[in-house]
Every structure is written in structure tokens, then in C-alpha cells.
Amino acid sequence: MSTYDRLRQAGVEPTFSLDHGMTMSIYYKDPEGNFVELQSDNFSDWKLSGEYMRGSPQFAANPIGVFFDPARVYETFKSGTNFETLEKAVYAGAFLPDPIPNIGLPG
């Protein structure tokens, strides 16, 4: 979230953001139209992330994840909400952007 804020202050806004369950990812588009993904591991342990991808019913049901509004998440994080609580709320859809980005995913 600190990198999100640093880039935002420099005038670089993300194109969309997704909580994939095992990572929170913020996607930026470069001047040539390429996407750059900045991600943070939600478990702080790649072994646990791998177990989540292989065995979680949540991930099996929704491997793409949940869109989120990074500005709202940043403000909530900055106000003192701990990451574990915040990530659960993000994945539950409490920080959906308006509108939901159309990134060409199958319906």
C-alpha cells in the first residue's frame, strides 16, 4: 500500500486491482500499453500461498479474485486496520470499485 501511495503521489494511477486470495495485486499500464503487476503475498510465506492455491475451495471457485479500490483500501490501512482484517474484508467484496473494471475476463 505504501508503493501504491508513492506512485499515486507521483501521478501514476493503477488500471485495476485484484485480491487473488494468496496475493493482492495492483496493475498499472505503461506508455506502450503493457501491464505491470505489483503484488504482495497475503500469507508472507510462499509455501502457504501454494497450499492455498492447491487446496482452497475459495480459490477453486474464484481463481481470478476480487476487484478492489486501492484508494479506499489504503485509507483504511492507514487508519490502523490490521492487514489480516483488511484483507478478509477486501476478499469479501467490501472495497469493490465503482464501476467494476472490464478487463476482458470470460463472463
PDB file of N, CA and C in Angstrom:
ATOM      1  N   MET A   1       0.827  -1.184   0.000  1.00  0.00           N
ATOM      2  CA  MET A   1       0.000   0.000   0.000  1.00  0.00           C
ATOM      3  C   MET A   1       0.874   1.252   0.000  1.00  0.00           C
ATOM      4  N   SER A   2       2.064   1.166   0.602  1.00  0.00           N
ATOM      5  CA  SER A   2       2.944   2.335   0.586  1.00  0.00           C
ATOM      6  C   SER A   2       3.435   2.620  -0.831  1.00  0.00           C
ATOM      7  N   THR A   3       3.691   1.577  -1.617  1.00  0.00           N
ATOM      8  CA  THR A   3       4.092   1.790  -3.009  1.00  0.00           C
ATOM      9  C   THR A   3       2.934   2.354  -3.819  1.00  0.00           C
ATOM     10  N   TYR A   4       1.731   1.857  -3.582  1.00  0.00           N
ATOM     11  CA  TYR A   4       0.555   2.425  -4.239  1.00  0.00           C
ATOM     12  C   TYR A   4       0.491   3.928  -3.974  1.00  0.00           C
ATOM     13  N   ASP A   5       0.636   4.327  -2.709  1.00  0.00           N
ATOM     14  CA  ASP A   5       0.530   5.744  -2.358  1.00  0.00           C
ATOM     15  C   ASP A   5       1.679   6.552  -2.971  1.00  0.00           C
ATOM     16  N   ARG A   6       2.878   6.010  -2.943  1.00  0.00           N
ATOM     17  CA  ARG A   6       4.030   6.720  -3.527  1.00  0.00           C
ATOM     18  C   ARG A   6       3.813   6.961  -5.010  1.00  0.00           C
ATOM     19  N   LEU A   7       3.353   5.954  -5.731  1.00  0.00           N
ATOM     20  CA  LEU A   7       3.091   6.108  -7.166  1.00  0.00           C
ATOM     21  C   LEU A   7       1.936   7.072  -7.409  1.00  0.00           C
ATOM     22  N   ARG A   8       0.890   6.979  -6.612  1.00  0.00           N
ATOM     23  CA  ARG A   8      -0.256   7.878  -6.760  1.00  0.00           C
ATOM     24  C   ARG A   8       0.181   9.328  -6.571  1.00  0.00           C
ATOM     25  N   GLN A   9       1.010   9.574  -5.578  1.00  0.00           N
ATOM     26  CA  GLN A   9       1.503  10.934  -5.350  1.00  0.00           C
ATOM     27  C   GLN A   9       2.353  11.437  -6.509  1.00  0.00           C
ATOM     28  N   ALA A  10       2.962  10.526  -7.255  1.00  0.00           N
ATOM     29  CA  ALA A  10       3.756  10.889  -8.433  1.00  0.00           C
ATOM     30  C   ALA A  10       2.894  10.970  -9.692  1.00  0.00           C
ATOM     31  N   GLY A  11       1.568  10.783  -9.538  1.00  0.00           N
ATOM     32  CA  GLY A  11       0.657  10.883 -10.670  1.00  0.00           C
ATOM     33  C   GLY A  11       0.468   9.595 -11.447  1.00  0.00           C
ATOM     34  N   VAL A  12       0.914   8.469 -10.882  1.00  0.00           N
ATOM     35  CA  VAL A  12       0.773   7.171 -11.551  1.00  0.00           C
ATOM     36  C   VAL A  12      -0.383   6.422 -10.880  1.00  0.00           C
ATOM     37  N   GLU A  13      -1.472   6.276 -11.633  1.00  0.00           N
ATOM     38  CA  GLU A  13      -2.677   5.619 -11.103  1.00  0.00           C
ATOM     39  C   GLU A  13      -2.786   4.196 -11.653  1.00  0.00           C
ATOM     40  N   PRO A  14      -3.236   3.250 -10.827  1.00  0.00           N
ATOM     41  CA  PRO A  14      -3.414   1.883 -11.323  1.00  0.00           C
ATOM     42  C   PRO A  14      -4.595   1.782 -12.281  1.00  0.00           C
ATOM     43  N   THR A  15      -4.524   0.775 -13.138  1.00  0.00           N
ATOM     44  CA  THR A  15      -5.617   0.485 -14.061  1.00  0.00           C
ATOM     45  C   THR A  15      -6.699  -0.337 -13.359  1.00  0.00           C
ATOM     46  N   PHE A  16      -6.281  -1.315 -12.557  1.00  0.00           N
ATOM     47  CA  PHE A  16      -7.202  -2.101 -11.739  1.00  0.00           C
ATOM     48  C   PHE A  16      -6.417  -2.814 -10.654  1.00  0.00           C
ATOM     49  N   SER A  17      -7.146  -3.333  -9.670  1.00  0.00           N
ATOM     50  CA  SER A  17      -6.529  -4.038  -8.549  1.00  0.00           C
ATOM     51  C   SER A  17      -7.358  -5.261  -8.215  1.00  0.00           C
ATOM     52  N   LEU A  18      -6.675  -6.360  -7.879  1.00  0.00           N
ATOM     53  CA  LEU A  18      -7.346  -7.617  -7.552  1.00  0.00           C
ATOM     54  C   LEU A  18      -6.735  -8.254  -6.314  1.00  0.00           C
ATOM     55  N   ASP A  19      -7.598  -8.755  -5.453  1.00  0.00           N
ATOM     56  CA  ASP A  19      -7.159  -9.620  -4.364  1.00  0.00           C
ATOM     57  C   ASP A  19      -7.373 -11.038  -4.867  1.00  0.00           C
ATOM     58  N   HIS A  20      -6.279 -11.740  -5.151  1.00  0.00           N
ATOM     59  CA  HIS A  20      -6.347 -13.097  -5.698  1.00  0.00           C
ATOM     60  C   HIS A  20      -6.487 -14.160  -4.597  1.00  0.00           C
ATOM     61  N   GLY A  21      -6.559 -13.724  -3.361  1.00  0.00           N
ATOM     62  CA  GLY A  21      -6.626 -14.665  -2.243  1.00  0.00           C
ATOM     63  C   GLY A  21      -5.261 -14.880  -1.647  1.00  0.00           C
ATOM     64  N   MET A  22      -4.302 -15.296  -2.468  1.00  0.00           N
ATOM     65  CA  MET A  22      -2.947 -15.507  -1.970  1.00  0.00           C
ATOM     66  C   MET A  22      -2.074 -14.270  -2.159  1.00  0.00           C
ATOM     67  N   THR A  23      -2.492 -13.362  -3.047  1.00  0.00           N
ATOM     68  CA  THR A  23      -1.768 -12.101  -3.242  1.00  0.00           C
ATOM     69  C   THR A  23      -2.766 -10.968  -3.444  1.00  0.00           C
ATOM     70  N   MET A  24      -2.308  -9.772  -3.141  1.00  0.00           N
ATOM     71  CA  MET A  24      -3.041  -8.565  -3.516  1.00  0.00           C
ATOM     72  C   MET A  24      -2.208  -7.943  -4.630  1.00  0.00           C
ATOM     73  N   SER A  25      -2.855  -7.674  -5.753  1.00  0.00           N
ATOM     74  CA  SER A  25      -2.147  -7.203  -6.940  1.00  0.00           C
ATOM     75  C   SER A  25      -2.730  -5.892  -7.433  1.00  0.00           C
ATOM     76  N   ILE A  26      -1.828  -4.985  -7.748  1.00  0.00           N
ATOM     77  CA  ILE A  26      -2.220  -3.709  -8.331  1.00  0.00           C
ATOM     78  C   ILE A  26      -1.562  -3.644  -9.704  1.00  0.00           C
ATOM     79  N   TYR A  27      -2.376  -3.399 -10.728  1.00  0.00           N
ATOM     80  CA  TYR A  27      -1.929  -3.429 -12.123  1.00  0.00           C
ATOM     81  C   TYR A  27      -1.857  -2.011 -12.690  1.00  0.00           C
ATOM     82  N   TYR A  28      -0.738  -1.730 -13.326  1.00  0.00           N
ATOM     83  CA  TYR A  28      -0.511  -0.440 -13.970  1.00  0.00           C
ATOM     84  C   TYR A  28      -0.276  -0.680 -15.457  1.00  0.00           C
ATOM     85  N   LYS A  29      -0.599   0.301 -16.276  1.00  0.00           N
ATOM     86  CA  LYS A  29      -0.361   0.211 -17.718  1.00  0.00           C
ATOM     87  C   LYS A  29       0.759   1.183 -18.061  1.00  0.00           C
ATOM     88  N   ASP A  30       1.784   0.677 -18.744  1.00  0.00           N
ATOM     89  CA  ASP A  30       2.886   1.549 -19.133  1.00  0.00           C
ATOM     90  C   ASP A  30       2.543   2.284 -20.430  1.00  0.00           C
ATOM     91  N   PRO A  31       3.371   3.235 -20.844  1.00  0.00           N
ATOM     92  CA  PRO A  31       3.054   4.036 -22.038  1.00  0.00           C
ATOM     93  C   PRO A  31       2.882   3.223 -23.326  1.00  0.00           C
ATOM     94  N   GLU A  32       3.469   2.027 -23.391  1.00  0.00           N
ATOM     95  CA  GLU A  32       3.311   1.181 -24.581  1.00  0.00           C
ATOM     96  C   GLU A  32       2.094   0.265 -24.490  1.00  0.00           C
ATOM     97  N   GLY A  33       1.345   0.342 -23.394  1.00  0.00           N
ATOM     98  CA  GLY A  33       0.146  -0.475 -23.234  1.00  0.00           C
ATOM     99  C   GLY A  33       0.374  -1.801 -22.534  1.00  0.00           C
ATOM    100  N   ASN A  34       1.587  -2.040 -22.054  1.00  0.00           N
ATOM    101  CA  ASN A  34       1.881  -3.269 -21.313  1.00  0.00           C
ATOM    102  C   ASN A  34       1.409  -3.119 -19.869  1.00  0.00           C
ATOM    103  N   PHE A  35       0.933  -4.203 -19.293  1.00  0.00           N
ATOM    104  CA  PHE A  35       0.537  -4.172 -17.894  1.00  0.00           C
ATOM    105  C   PHE A  35       1.715  -4.574 -17.016  1.00  0.00           C
ATOM    106  N   VAL A  36       1.835  -3.897 -15.896  1.00  0.00           N
ATOM    107  CA  VAL A  36       2.831  -4.207 -14.881  1.00  0.00           C
ATOM    108  C   VAL A  36       2.062  -4.526 -13.609  1.00  0.00           C
ATOM    109  N   GLU A  37       2.354  -5.670 -13.023  1.00  0.00           N
ATOM    110  CA  GLU A  37       1.665  -6.090 -11.806  1.00  0.00           C
ATOM    111  C   GLU A  37       2.604  -5.949 -10.616  1.00  0.00           C
ATOM    112  N   LEU A  38       2.161  -5.224  -9.610  1.00  0.00           N
ATOM    113  CA  LEU A  38       2.861  -5.173  -8.333  1.00  0.00           C
ATOM    114  C   LEU A  38       2.019  -5.973  -7.358  1.00  0.00           C
ATOM    115  N   GLN A  39       2.636  -6.968  -6.706  1.00  0.00           N
ATOM    116  CA  GLN A  39       1.851  -7.825  -5.830  1.00  0.00           C
ATOM    117  C   GLN A  39       2.524  -8.008  -4.483  1.00  0.00           C
ATOM    118  N   SER A  40       1.684  -8.321  -3.525  1.00  0.00           N
ATOM    119  CA  SER A  40       2.149  -8.606  -2.183  1.00  0.00           C
ATOM    120  C   SER A  40       1.521  -9.919  -1.748  1.00  0.00           C
ATOM    121  N   ASP A  41       2.336 -10.793  -1.177  1.00  0.00           N
ATOM    122  CA  ASP A  41       1.858 -12.086  -0.722  1.00  0.00           C
ATOM    123  C   ASP A  41       1.023 -11.914   0.540  1.00  0.00           C
ATOM    124  N   ASN A  42      -0.181 -12.450   0.546  1.00  0.00           N
ATOM    125  CA  ASN A  42      -1.080 -12.308   1.698  1.00  0.00           C
ATOM    126  C   ASN A  42      -0.684 -13.184   2.882  1.00  0.00           C
ATOM    127  N   PHE A  43       0.074 -14.245   2.631  1.00  0.00           N
ATOM    128  CA  PHE A  43       0.425 -15.167   3.697  1.00  0.00           C
ATOM    129  C   PHE A  43       1.835 -14.949   4.244  1.00  0.00           C
ATOM    130  N   SER A  44       2.610 -14.130   3.568  1.00  0.00           N
ATOM    131  CA  SER A  44       4.019 -13.896   3.937  1.00  0.00           C
ATOM    132  C   SER A  44       4.824 -15.186   3.940  1.00  0.00           C
ATOM    133  N   ASP A  45       4.373 -16.148   3.163  1.00  0.00           N
ATOM    134  CA  ASP A  45       5.052 -17.437   3.070  1.00  0.00           C
ATOM    135  C   ASP A  45       4.568 -18.116   1.784  1.00  0.00           C
ATOM    136  N   TRP A  46       5.451 -18.246   0.794  1.00  0.00           N
ATOM    137  CA  TRP A  46       5.053 -18.818  -0.496  1.00  0.00           C
ATOM    138  C   TRP A  46       4.554 -20.252  -0.361  1.00  0.00           C
ATOM    139  N   LYS A  47       5.045 -20.997   0.641  1.00  0.00           N
ATOM    140  CA  LYS A  47       4.543 -22.358   0.849  1.00  0.00           C
ATOM    141  C   LYS A  47       3.055 -22.321   1.193  1.00  0.00           C
ATOM    142  N   LEU A  48       2.665 -21.421   2.098  1.00  0.00           N
ATOM    143  CA  LEU A  48       1.248 -21.293   2.464  1.00  0.00           C
ATOM    144  C   LEU A  48       0.415 -20.794   1.284  1.00  0.00           C
ATOM    145  N   SER A  49       0.991 -19.901   0.496  1.00  0.00           N
ATOM    146  CA  SER A  49       0.284 -19.423  -0.703  1.00  0.00           C
ATOM    147  C   SER A  49       0.031 -20.568  -1.669  1.00  0.00           C
ATOM    148  N   GLY A  50       1.027 -21.405  -1.862  1.00  0.00           N
ATOM    149  CA  GLY A  50       0.871 -22.560  -2.744  1.00  0.00           C
ATOM    150  C   GLY A  50      -0.182 -23.522  -2.237  1.00  0.00           C
ATOM    151  N   GLU A  51      -0.196 -23.755  -0.948  1.00  0.00           N
ATOM    152  CA  GLU A  51      -1.219 -24.622  -0.359  1.00  0.00           C
ATOM    153  C   GLU A  51      -2.605 -24.029  -0.577  1.00  0.00           C
ATOM    154  N   TYR A  52      -2.716 -22.720  -0.445  1.00  0.00           N
ATOM    155  CA  TYR A  52      -3.996 -22.050  -0.677  1.00  0.00           C
ATOM    156  C   TYR A  52      -4.457 -22.280  -2.124  1.00  0.00           C
ATOM    157  N   MET A  53      -3.552 -22.114  -3.077  1.00  0.00           N
ATOM    158  CA  MET A  53      -3.921 -22.297  -4.496  1.00  0.00           C
ATOM    159  C   MET A  53      -4.315 -23.736  -4.787  1.00  0.00           C
ATOM    160  N   ARG A  54      -3.646 -24.696  -4.176  1.00  0.00           N
ATOM    161  CA  ARG A  54      -3.934 -26.103  -4.446  1.00  0.00           C
ATOM    162  C   ARG A  54      -5.145 -26.634  -3.695  1.00  0.00           C
ATOM    163  N   GLY A  55      -5.458 -26.065  -2.512  1.00  0.00           N
ATOM    164  CA  GLY A  55      -6.475 -26.702  -1.696  1.00  0.00           C
ATOM    165  C   GLY A  55      -7.646 -25.853  -1.234  1.00  0.00           C
ATOM    166  N   SER A  56      -7.641 -24.564  -1.539  1.00  0.00           N
ATOM    167  CA  SER A  56      -8.703 -23.716  -1.028  1.00  0.00           C
ATOM    168  C   SER A  56      -9.954 -23.782  -1.895  1.00  0.00           C
ATOM    169  N   PRO A  57     -11.116 -24.067  -1.302  1.00  0.00           N
ATOM    170  CA  PRO A  57     -12.363 -24.026  -2.057  1.00  0.00           C
ATOM    171  C   PRO A  57     -12.653 -22.614  -2.596  1.00  0.00           C
ATOM    172  N   GLN A  58     -12.239 -21.580  -1.843  1.00  0.00           N
ATOM    173  CA  GLN A  58     -12.430 -20.199  -2.308  1.00  0.00           C
ATOM    174  C   GLN A  58     -11.664 -19.971  -3.610  1.00  0.00           C
ATOM    175  N   PHE A  59     -10.412 -20.402  -3.642  1.00  0.00           N
ATOM    176  CA  PHE A  59      -9.599 -20.209  -4.837  1.00  0.00           C
ATOM    177  C   PHE A  59     -10.139 -21.033  -6.002  1.00  0.00           C
ATOM    178  N   ALA A  60     -10.575 -22.253  -5.721  1.00  0.00           N
ATOM    179  CA  ALA A  60     -11.134 -23.094  -6.781  1.00  0.00           C
ATOM    180  C   ALA A  60     -12.383 -22.451  -7.379  1.00  0.00           C
ATOM    181  N   ALA A  61     -13.181 -21.805  -6.559  1.00  0.00           N
ATOM    182  CA  ALA A  61     -14.416 -21.175  -7.028  1.00  0.00           C
ATOM    183  C   ALA A  61     -14.155 -19.855  -7.748  1.00  0.00           C
ATOM    184  N   ASN A  62     -13.078 -19.171  -7.393  1.00  0.00           N
ATOM    185  CA  ASN A  62     -12.803 -17.855  -7.969  1.00  0.00           C
ATOM    186  C   ASN A  62     -11.291 -17.626  -8.061  1.00  0.00           C
ATOM    187  N   PRO A  63     -10.614 -18.263  -9.035  1.00  0.00           N
ATOM    188  CA  PRO A  63      -9.152 -18.122  -9.126  1.00  0.00           C
ATOM    189  C   PRO A  63      -8.686 -16.731  -9.556  1.00  0.00           C
ATOM    190  N   ILE A  64      -9.548 -15.941 -10.158  1.00  0.00           N
ATOM    191  CA  ILE A  64      -9.171 -14.578 -10.550  1.00  0.00           C
ATOM    192  C   ILE A  64      -9.123 -13.677  -9.326  1.00  0.00           C
ATOM    193  N   GLY A  65     -10.089 -13.787  -8.447  1.00  0.00           N
ATOM    194  CA  GLY A  65     -10.114 -12.982  -7.240  1.00  0.00           C
ATOM    195  C   GLY A  65     -11.175 -11.902  -7.276  1.00  0.00           C
ATOM    196  N   VAL A  66     -11.000 -10.917  -6.398  1.00  0.00           N
ATOM    197  CA  VAL A  66     -11.985  -9.871  -6.168  1.00  0.00           C
ATOM    198  C   VAL A  66     -11.343  -8.513  -6.460  1.00  0.00           C
ATOM    199  N   PHE A  67     -12.008  -7.723  -7.291  1.00  0.00           N
ATOM    200  CA  PHE A  67     -11.530  -6.369  -7.549  1.00  0.00           C
ATOM    201  C   PHE A  67     -11.617  -5.542  -6.274  1.00  0.00           C
ATOM    202  N   PHE A  68     -10.713  -4.567  -6.142  1.00  0.00           N
ATOM    203  CA  PHE A  68     -10.805  -3.642  -5.014  1.00  0.00           C
ATOM    204  C   PHE A  68     -10.353  -2.252  -5.426  1.00  0.00           C
ATOM    205  N   ASP A  69     -10.846  -1.286  -4.673  1.00  0.00           N
ATOM    206  CA  ASP A  69     -10.488   0.119  -4.856  1.00  0.00           C
ATOM    207  C   ASP A  69      -9.261   0.388  -3.988  1.00  0.00           C
ATOM    208  N   PRO A  70      -8.087   0.557  -4.585  1.00  0.00           N
ATOM    209  CA  PRO A  70      -6.878   0.690  -3.776  1.00  0.00           C
ATOM    210  C   PRO A  70      -6.856   1.950  -2.912  1.00  0.00           C
ATOM    211  N   ALA A  71      -7.503   3.024  -3.347  1.00  0.00           N
ATOM    212  CA  ALA A  71      -7.527   4.246  -2.540  1.00  0.00           C
ATOM    213  C   ALA A  71      -8.272   4.007  -1.234  1.00  0.00           C
ATOM    214  N   ARG A  72      -9.399   3.329  -1.315  1.00  0.00           N
ATOM    215  CA  ARG A  72     -10.174   3.033  -0.105  1.00  0.00           C
ATOM    216  C   ARG A  72      -9.435   2.056   0.804  1.00  0.00           C
ATOM    217  N   VAL A  73      -8.789   1.067   0.209  1.00  0.00           N
ATOM    218  CA  VAL A  73      -8.022   0.103   0.998  1.00  0.00           C
ATOM    219  C   VAL A  73      -6.853   0.818   1.681  1.00  0.00           C
ATOM    220  N   TYR A  74      -6.161   1.677   0.940  1.00  0.00           N
ATOM    221  CA  TYR A  74      -5.035   2.418   1.515  1.00  0.00           C
ATOM    222  C   TYR A  74      -5.493   3.254   2.706  1.00  0.00           C
ATOM    223  N   GLU A  75      -6.581   3.994   2.558  1.00  0.00           N
ATOM    224  CA  GLU A  75      -7.067   4.846   3.641  1.00  0.00           C
ATOM    225  C   GLU A  75      -7.456   4.019   4.866  1.00  0.00           C
ATOM    226  N   THR A  76      -8.066   2.879   4.650  1.00  0.00           N
ATOM    227  CA  THR A  76      -8.454   2.013   5.763  1.00  0.00           C
ATOM    228  C   THR A  76      -7.217   1.441   6.446  1.00  0.00           C
ATOM    229  N   PHE A  77      -6.233   1.024   5.656  1.00  0.00           N
ATOM    230  CA  PHE A  77      -4.987   0.507   6.209  1.00  0.00           C
ATOM    231  C   PHE A  77      -4.275   1.596   7.011  1.00  0.00           C
ATOM    232  N   LYS A  78      -4.225   2.786   6.440  1.00  0.00           N
ATOM    233  CA  LYS A  78      -3.549   3.907   7.091  1.00  0.00           C
ATOM    234  C   LYS A  78      -4.237   4.289   8.408  1.00  0.00           C
ATOM    235  N   SER A  79      -5.536   4.067   8.494  1.00  0.00           N
ATOM    236  CA  SER A  79      -6.273   4.419   9.716  1.00  0.00           C
ATOM    237  C   SER A  79      -6.002   3.451  10.866  1.00  0.00           C
ATOM    238  N   GLY A  80      -5.276   2.357  10.580  1.00  0.00           N
ATOM    239  CA  GLY A  80      -4.882   1.449  11.653  1.00  0.00           C
ATOM    240  C   GLY A  80      -5.466   0.056  11.582  1.00  0.00           C
ATOM    241  N   THR A  81      -6.300  -0.225  10.597  1.00  0.00           N
ATOM    242  CA  THR A  81      -6.854  -1.576  10.469  1.00  0.00           C
ATOM    243  C   THR A  81      -5.723  -2.546  10.149  1.00  0.00           C
ATOM    244  N   ASN A  82      -5.643  -3.639  10.890  1.00  0.00           N
ATOM    245  CA  ASN A  82      -4.548  -4.585  10.629  1.00  0.00           C
ATOM    246  C   ASN A  82      -4.782  -5.306   9.301  1.00  0.00           C
ATOM    247  N   PHE A  83      -3.692  -5.779   8.716  1.00  0.00           N
ATOM    248  CA  PHE A  83      -3.748  -6.340   7.368  1.00  0.00           C
ATOM    249  C   PHE A  83      -4.657  -7.553   7.287  1.00  0.00           C
ATOM    250  N   GLU A  84      -4.594  -8.444   8.245  1.00  0.00           N
ATOM    251  CA  GLU A  84      -5.408  -9.671   8.177  1.00  0.00           C
ATOM    252  C   GLU A  84      -6.898  -9.335   8.124  1.00  0.00           C
ATOM    253  N   THR A  85      -7.331  -8.434   8.964  1.00  0.00           N
ATOM    254  CA  THR A  85      -8.731  -7.999   8.973  1.00  0.00           C
ATOM    255  C   THR A  85      -9.089  -7.315   7.662  1.00  0.00           C
ATOM    256  N   LEU A  86      -8.213  -6.448   7.207  1.00  0.00           N
ATOM    257  CA  LEU A  86      -8.449  -5.701   5.977  1.00  0.00           C
ATOM    258  C   LEU A  86      -8.522  -6.634   4.767  1.00  0.00           C
ATOM    259  N   GLU A  87      -7.603  -7.574   4.657  1.00  0.00           N
ATOM    260  CA  GLU A  87      -7.597  -8.480   3.502  1.00  0.00           C
ATOM    261  C   GLU A  87      -8.864  -9.314   3.458  1.00  0.00           C
ATOM    262  N   LYS A  88      -9.343  -9.777   4.605  1.00  0.00           N
ATOM    263  CA  LYS A  88     -10.588 -10.555   4.628  1.00  0.00           C
ATOM    264  C   LYS A  88     -11.756  -9.716   4.119  1.00  0.00           C
ATOM    265  N   ALA A  89     -11.783  -8.450   4.511  1.00  0.00           N
ATOM    266  CA  ALA A  89     -12.852  -7.549   4.052  1.00  0.00           C
ATOM    267  C   ALA A  89     -12.739  -7.285   2.552  1.00  0.00           C
ATOM    268  N   VAL A  90     -11.516  -7.125   2.060  1.00  0.00           N
ATOM    269  CA  VAL A  90     -11.306  -6.904   0.621  1.00  0.00           C
ATOM    270  C   VAL A  90     -11.813  -8.116  -0.153  1.00  0.00           C
ATOM    271  N   TYR A  91     -11.413  -9.319   0.272  1.00  0.00           N
ATOM    272  CA  TYR A  91     -11.807 -10.541  -0.439  1.00  0.00           C
ATOM    273  C   TYR A  91     -13.312 -10.779  -0.350  1.00  0.00           C
ATOM    274  N   ALA A  92     -13.932 -10.275   0.704  1.00  0.00           N
ATOM    275  CA  ALA A  92     -15.392 -10.411   0.865  1.00  0.00           C
ATOM    276  C   ALA A  92     -16.157  -9.391   0.024  1.00  0.00           C
ATOM    277  N   GLY A  93     -15.436  -8.464  -0.630  1.00  0.00           N
ATOM    278  CA  GLY A  93     -16.094  -7.509  -1.517  1.00  0.00           C
ATOM    279  C   GLY A  93     -16.433  -6.170  -0.877  1.00  0.00           C
ATOM    280  N   ALA A  94     -15.890  -5.885   0.293  1.00  0.00           N
ATOM    281  CA  ALA A  94     -16.214  -4.639   0.989  1.00  0.00           C
ATOM    282  C   ALA A  94     -15.582  -3.400   0.351  1.00  0.00           C
ATOM    283  N   PHE A  95     -14.640  -3.593  -0.570  1.00  0.00           N
ATOM    284  CA  PHE A  95     -13.934  -2.463  -1.178  1.00  0.00           C
ATOM    285  C   PHE A  95     -14.022  -2.497  -2.702  1.00  0.00           C
ATOM    286  N   LEU A  96     -15.142  -2.982  -3.214  1.00  0.00           N
ATOM    287  CA  LEU A  96     -15.302  -3.054  -4.672  1.00  0.00           C
ATOM    288  C   LEU A  96     -15.215  -1.662  -5.295  1.00  0.00           C
ATOM    289  N   PRO A  97     -14.551  -1.553  -6.446  1.00  0.00           N
ATOM    290  CA  PRO A  97     -14.534  -0.263  -7.145  1.00  0.00           C
ATOM    291  C   PRO A  97     -15.864  -0.026  -7.860  1.00  0.00           C
ATOM    292  N   ASP A  98     -16.134   1.226  -8.144  1.00  0.00           N
ATOM    293  CA  ASP A  98     -17.343   1.570  -8.900  1.00  0.00           C
ATOM    294  C   ASP A  98     -16.916   2.459 -10.065  1.00  0.00           C
ATOM    295  N   PRO A  99     -16.988   1.944 -11.273  1.00  0.00           N
ATOM    296  CA  PRO A  99     -17.520   0.648 -11.703  1.00  0.00           C
ATOM    297  C   PRO A  99     -16.449  -0.456 -11.598  1.00  0.00           C
ATOM    298  N   ILE A 100     -16.921  -1.703 -11.693  1.00  0.00           N
ATOM    299  CA  ILE A 100     -16.003  -2.841 -11.782  1.00  0.00           C
ATOM    300  C   ILE A 100     -15.313  -2.754 -13.137  1.00  0.00           C
ATOM    301  N   PRO A 101     -13.979  -2.833 -13.164  1.00  0.00           N
ATOM    302  CA  PRO A 101     -13.280  -2.737 -14.451  1.00  0.00           C
ATOM    303  C   PRO A 101     -13.620  -3.898 -15.390  1.00  0.00           C
ATOM    304  N   ASN A 102     -13.717  -3.592 -16.652  1.00  0.00           N
ATOM    305  CA  ASN A 102     -13.903  -4.630 -17.674  1.00  0.00           C
ATOM    306  C   ASN A 102     -12.522  -4.936 -18.233  1.00  0.00           C
ATOM    307  N   ILE A 103     -11.956  -6.063 -17.799  1.00  0.00           N
ATOM    308  CA  ILE A 103     -10.611  -6.421 -18.258  1.00  0.00           C
ATOM    309  C   ILE A 103     -10.644  -7.607 -19.222  1.00  0.00           C
ATOM    310  N   GLY A 104     -11.830  -7.894 -19.742  1.00  0.00           N
ATOM    311  CA  GLY A 104     -11.961  -8.923 -20.760  1.00  0.00           C
ATOM    312  C   GLY A 104     -12.005 -10.346 -20.245  1.00  0.00           C
ATOM    313  N   LEU A 105     -12.393 -10.525 -18.985  1.00  0.00           N
ATOM    314  CA  LEU A 105     -12.496 -11.878 -18.443  1.00  0.00           C
ATOM    315  C   LEU A 105     -13.761 -12.554 -18.957  1.00  0.00           C
ATOM    316  N   PRO A 106     -13.718 -13.866 -19.096  1.00  0.00           N
ATOM    317  CA  PRO A 106     -14.936 -14.569 -19.501  1.00  0.00           C
ATOM    318  C   PRO A 106     -16.045 -14.360 -18.479  1.00  0.00           C
ATOM    319  N   GLY A 107     -17.291 -14.247 -18.953  1.00  0.00           N
ATOM    320  CA  GLY A 107     -18.430 -13.912 -18.138  1.00  0.00           C
ATOM    321  C   GLY A 107     -18.871 -14.899 -17.172  1.00  0.00           C
TER     322      GLY A 107
END
